[in-house]
Amino acid sequence: MTTLQEELQTKIASIPEVEPDIIDLQMIADKDNDTDNGISWDTYKTERTFNGNISLRVPKDLHRSLVGMAKEQGVSLNQYCLYKLAK
């Protein structure tokens, strides 16, 4: 029996690599500088209001697969992804 960590590593390894876009590159640069417009991460995470929304870009094949799995379970894509993230 595989552990959850092994299962997750297998799933992550199966996701095709995507070239970073300009937003990704800026985020990497900000992380390397440990700042976001001059604000430290500690200040950012304590002062920012989190609204519960996440925008995530995924490969088209993964998107299609997730939609199919959600339909099989009879739930929305949002509900399915939330369930999978919470596991």
N, C-alpha and C. Protein backbone atom coordinates (compact mmCIF):
# COMPACT_ATOMS: atom_id res chain seq x y z
N MET A 1 0.85 -1.19 0.00
CA MET A 1 0.00 0.00 0.00
C MET A 1 0.89 1.25 0.00
N THR A 2 0.56 2.17 -0.87
CA THR A 2 1.35 3.40 -0.95
C THR A 2 0.85 4.42 0.07
N THR A 3 1.76 5.22 0.52
CA THR A 3 1.39 6.28 1.45
C THR A 3 0.84 7.46 0.67
N LEU A 4 0.15 8.33 1.36
CA LEU A 4 -0.39 9.52 0.72
C LEU A 4 0.72 10.37 0.11
N GLN A 5 1.84 10.45 0.81
CA GLN A 5 2.97 11.22 0.29
C GLN A 5 3.49 10.63 -1.02
N GLU A 6 3.59 9.30 -1.08
CA GLU A 6 4.03 8.65 -2.31
C GLU A 6 3.03 8.87 -3.44
N GLU A 7 1.73 8.80 -3.11
CA GLU A 7 0.69 9.03 -4.10
C GLU A 7 0.78 10.45 -4.65
N LEU A 8 0.96 11.41 -3.74
CA LEU A 8 1.07 12.81 -4.16
C LEU A 8 2.30 13.02 -5.04
N GLN A 9 3.43 12.44 -4.65
CA GLN A 9 4.65 12.58 -5.45
C GLN A 9 4.46 11.98 -6.84
N THR A 10 3.77 10.86 -6.93
CA THR A 10 3.50 10.24 -8.23
C THR A 10 2.63 11.14 -9.09
N LYS A 11 1.58 11.70 -8.48
CA LYS A 11 0.69 12.59 -9.22
C LYS A 11 1.43 13.84 -9.68
N ILE A 12 2.23 14.41 -8.82
CA ILE A 12 2.99 15.62 -9.18
C ILE A 12 3.96 15.30 -10.31
N ALA A 13 4.60 14.15 -10.26
CA ALA A 13 5.56 13.76 -11.30
C ALA A 13 4.88 13.58 -12.65
N SER A 14 3.58 13.26 -12.65
CA SER A 14 2.87 13.04 -13.91
C SER A 14 2.37 14.33 -14.55
N ILE A 15 2.46 15.46 -13.83
CA ILE A 15 2.00 16.74 -14.38
C ILE A 15 3.07 17.28 -15.32
N PRO A 16 2.70 17.60 -16.55
CA PRO A 16 3.71 18.11 -17.50
C PRO A 16 4.25 19.46 -17.04
N GLU A 17 5.52 19.66 -17.31
CA GLU A 17 6.17 20.90 -16.94
C GLU A 17 5.74 22.00 -17.90
N VAL A 18 5.49 23.19 -17.35
CA VAL A 18 5.05 24.33 -18.14
C VAL A 18 6.06 25.45 -17.95
N GLU A 19 6.38 26.12 -19.03
CA GLU A 19 7.30 27.24 -18.95
C GLU A 19 6.68 28.38 -18.15
N PRO A 20 7.45 29.04 -17.27
CA PRO A 20 6.89 30.14 -16.50
C PRO A 20 6.56 31.34 -17.39
N ASP A 21 5.48 32.04 -17.04
CA ASP A 21 5.16 33.26 -17.78
C ASP A 21 5.70 34.46 -16.99
N ILE A 22 5.42 35.65 -17.44
CA ILE A 22 5.97 36.87 -16.83
C ILE A 22 5.52 37.01 -15.37
N ILE A 23 4.29 36.61 -15.07
CA ILE A 23 3.80 36.70 -13.68
C ILE A 23 4.58 35.74 -12.79
N ASP A 24 4.80 34.51 -13.27
CA ASP A 24 5.57 33.54 -12.51
C ASP A 24 6.99 34.05 -12.25
N LEU A 25 7.60 34.61 -13.28
CA LEU A 25 8.96 35.11 -13.14
C LEU A 25 9.04 36.24 -12.13
N GLN A 26 8.03 37.11 -12.12
CA GLN A 26 8.01 38.21 -11.15
C GLN A 26 7.84 37.66 -9.73
N MET A 27 6.99 36.65 -9.57
CA MET A 27 6.79 36.04 -8.25
C MET A 27 8.07 35.40 -7.75
N ILE A 28 8.80 34.75 -8.65
CA ILE A 28 10.07 34.13 -8.28
C ILE A 28 11.06 35.21 -7.85
N ALA A 29 11.12 36.30 -8.59
CA ALA A 29 12.02 37.39 -8.25
C ALA A 29 11.64 37.99 -6.89
N ASP A 30 10.35 38.18 -6.65
CA ASP A 30 9.90 38.73 -5.37
C ASP A 30 10.26 37.79 -4.23
N LYS A 31 10.08 36.47 -4.45
CA LYS A 31 10.40 35.50 -3.41
C LYS A 31 11.89 35.51 -3.13
N ASP A 32 12.71 35.58 -4.17
CA ASP A 32 14.15 35.61 -3.99
C ASP A 32 14.58 36.82 -3.17
N ASN A 33 13.87 37.92 -3.33
CA ASN A 33 14.18 39.14 -2.58
C ASN A 33 13.48 39.18 -1.23
N ASP A 34 12.62 38.17 -0.96
CA ASP A 34 11.82 38.07 0.26
C ASP A 34 10.98 39.33 0.48
N THR A 35 10.55 39.93 -0.61
CA THR A 35 9.70 41.11 -0.49
C THR A 35 8.61 41.07 -1.54
N ASP A 36 7.56 41.79 -1.31
CA ASP A 36 6.50 42.00 -2.29
C ASP A 36 6.24 43.50 -2.26
N ASN A 37 6.83 44.22 -3.18
CA ASN A 37 6.75 45.68 -3.19
C ASN A 37 7.27 46.27 -1.89
N GLY A 38 8.37 45.71 -1.37
CA GLY A 38 8.99 46.26 -0.17
C GLY A 38 8.39 45.75 1.13
N ILE A 39 7.44 44.83 1.09
CA ILE A 39 6.80 44.31 2.30
C ILE A 39 7.33 42.91 2.55
N SER A 40 7.76 42.64 3.78
CA SER A 40 8.28 41.31 4.09
C SER A 40 7.14 40.29 4.08
N TRP A 41 7.49 39.03 3.91
CA TRP A 41 6.48 37.97 3.91
C TRP A 41 5.74 37.92 5.23
N ASP A 42 6.43 38.09 6.35
CA ASP A 42 5.77 38.05 7.66
C ASP A 42 4.71 39.13 7.77
N THR A 43 5.02 40.34 7.30
CA THR A 43 4.04 41.43 7.32
C THR A 43 2.90 41.13 6.36
N TYR A 44 3.24 40.64 5.18
CA TYR A 44 2.24 40.34 4.15
C TYR A 44 1.22 39.33 4.65
N LYS A 45 1.70 38.22 5.23
CA LYS A 45 0.78 37.15 5.63
C LYS A 45 -0.06 37.52 6.85
N THR A 46 0.38 38.47 7.65
CA THR A 46 -0.42 38.86 8.81
C THR A 46 -1.35 40.02 8.52
N GLU A 47 -1.01 40.88 7.55
CA GLU A 47 -1.82 42.06 7.28
C GLU A 47 -2.75 41.90 6.09
N ARG A 48 -2.50 40.95 5.23
CA ARG A 48 -3.32 40.76 4.03
C ARG A 48 -4.64 40.09 4.41
N THR A 49 -5.71 40.48 3.75
CA THR A 49 -6.99 39.83 3.93
C THR A 49 -7.10 38.72 2.89
N PHE A 50 -7.30 37.49 3.35
CA PHE A 50 -7.43 36.35 2.46
C PHE A 50 -8.91 36.10 2.22
N ASN A 51 -9.31 36.07 0.94
CA ASN A 51 -10.74 35.97 0.61
C ASN A 51 -11.18 34.55 0.26
N GLY A 52 -10.27 33.59 0.26
CA GLY A 52 -10.65 32.21 -0.04
C GLY A 52 -10.61 31.87 -1.51
N ASN A 53 -10.22 32.80 -2.37
CA ASN A 53 -10.14 32.54 -3.82
C ASN A 53 -8.70 32.25 -4.21
N ILE A 54 -8.54 31.23 -5.06
CA ILE A 54 -7.23 30.89 -5.60
C ILE A 54 -7.38 30.78 -7.12
N SER A 55 -6.55 31.47 -7.84
CA SER A 55 -6.53 31.35 -9.30
C SER A 55 -5.34 30.46 -9.65
N LEU A 56 -5.61 29.36 -10.34
CA LEU A 56 -4.57 28.39 -10.61
C LEU A 56 -4.57 28.03 -12.09
N ARG A 57 -3.41 28.14 -12.74
CA ARG A 57 -3.29 27.73 -14.13
C ARG A 57 -2.76 26.30 -14.16
N VAL A 58 -3.44 25.43 -14.89
CA VAL A 58 -3.03 24.03 -15.00
C VAL A 58 -3.00 23.65 -16.47
N PRO A 59 -2.26 22.61 -16.81
CA PRO A 59 -2.28 22.14 -18.20
C PRO A 59 -3.69 21.71 -18.61
N LYS A 60 -3.99 21.87 -19.90
CA LYS A 60 -5.33 21.56 -20.41
C LYS A 60 -5.74 20.11 -20.13
N ASP A 61 -4.81 19.18 -20.28
CA ASP A 61 -5.13 17.77 -20.04
C ASP A 61 -5.51 17.53 -18.58
N LEU A 62 -4.82 18.18 -17.65
CA LEU A 62 -5.15 18.04 -16.24
C LEU A 62 -6.52 18.65 -15.95
N HIS A 63 -6.81 19.79 -16.54
CA HIS A 63 -8.11 20.45 -16.38
C HIS A 63 -9.22 19.50 -16.86
N ARG A 64 -9.03 18.95 -18.04
CA ARG A 64 -10.02 18.03 -18.62
C ARG A 64 -10.23 16.83 -17.70
N SER A 65 -9.14 16.28 -17.19
CA SER A 65 -9.21 15.13 -16.30
C SER A 65 -9.94 15.46 -15.01
N LEU A 66 -9.66 16.61 -14.43
CA LEU A 66 -10.33 17.03 -13.19
C LEU A 66 -11.83 17.22 -13.41
N VAL A 67 -12.19 17.82 -14.53
CA VAL A 67 -13.62 18.01 -14.84
C VAL A 67 -14.29 16.65 -14.96
N GLY A 68 -13.65 15.70 -15.63
CA GLY A 68 -14.22 14.37 -15.77
C GLY A 68 -14.39 13.66 -14.43
N MET A 69 -13.40 13.78 -13.56
CA MET A 69 -13.50 13.14 -12.24
C MET A 69 -14.59 13.79 -11.40
N ALA A 70 -14.74 15.11 -11.51
CA ALA A 70 -15.79 15.81 -10.76
C ALA A 70 -17.16 15.35 -11.24
N LYS A 71 -17.33 15.22 -12.56
CA LYS A 71 -18.62 14.76 -13.11
C LYS A 71 -18.93 13.35 -12.64
N GLU A 72 -17.92 12.49 -12.62
CA GLU A 72 -18.12 11.11 -12.15
C GLU A 72 -18.61 11.08 -10.70
N GLN A 73 -18.14 12.03 -9.91
CA GLN A 73 -18.53 12.10 -8.50
C GLN A 73 -19.83 12.88 -8.30
N GLY A 74 -20.32 13.53 -9.37
CA GLY A 74 -21.56 14.29 -9.28
C GLY A 74 -21.43 15.59 -8.51
N VAL A 75 -20.22 16.19 -8.57
CA VAL A 75 -19.98 17.46 -7.87
C VAL A 75 -19.37 18.46 -8.84
N SER A 76 -19.33 19.71 -8.42
CA SER A 76 -18.71 20.75 -9.26
C SER A 76 -17.19 20.58 -9.24
N LEU A 77 -16.55 21.18 -10.22
CA LEU A 77 -15.09 21.15 -10.27
C LEU A 77 -14.52 21.79 -9.01
N ASN A 78 -15.12 22.89 -8.57
CA ASN A 78 -14.67 23.57 -7.36
C ASN A 78 -14.75 22.63 -6.15
N GLN A 79 -15.89 21.95 -5.99
CA GLN A 79 -16.06 21.04 -4.86
C GLN A 79 -15.06 19.89 -4.92
N TYR A 80 -14.84 19.37 -6.12
CA TYR A 80 -13.91 18.25 -6.27
C TYR A 80 -12.48 18.68 -5.91
N CYS A 81 -12.06 19.82 -6.43
CA CYS A 81 -10.71 20.31 -6.15
C CYS A 81 -10.54 20.62 -4.66
N LEU A 82 -11.55 21.21 -4.06
CA LEU A 82 -11.49 21.51 -2.63
C LEU A 82 -11.33 20.22 -1.82
N TYR A 83 -12.11 19.20 -2.20
CA TYR A 83 -12.01 17.91 -1.53
C TYR A 83 -10.58 17.35 -1.67
N LYS A 84 -10.04 17.37 -2.88
CA LYS A 84 -8.72 16.82 -3.11
C LYS A 84 -7.64 17.63 -2.36
N LEU A 85 -7.78 18.94 -2.32
CA LEU A 85 -6.79 19.76 -1.62
C LEU A 85 -6.85 19.54 -0.11
N ALA A 86 -8.02 19.27 0.40
CA ALA A 86 -8.19 19.10 1.85
C ALA A 86 -7.74 17.74 2.34
N LYS A 87 -7.56 16.77 1.42
CA LYS A 87 -7.15 15.41 1.83
C LYS A 87 -5.79 15.41 2.47
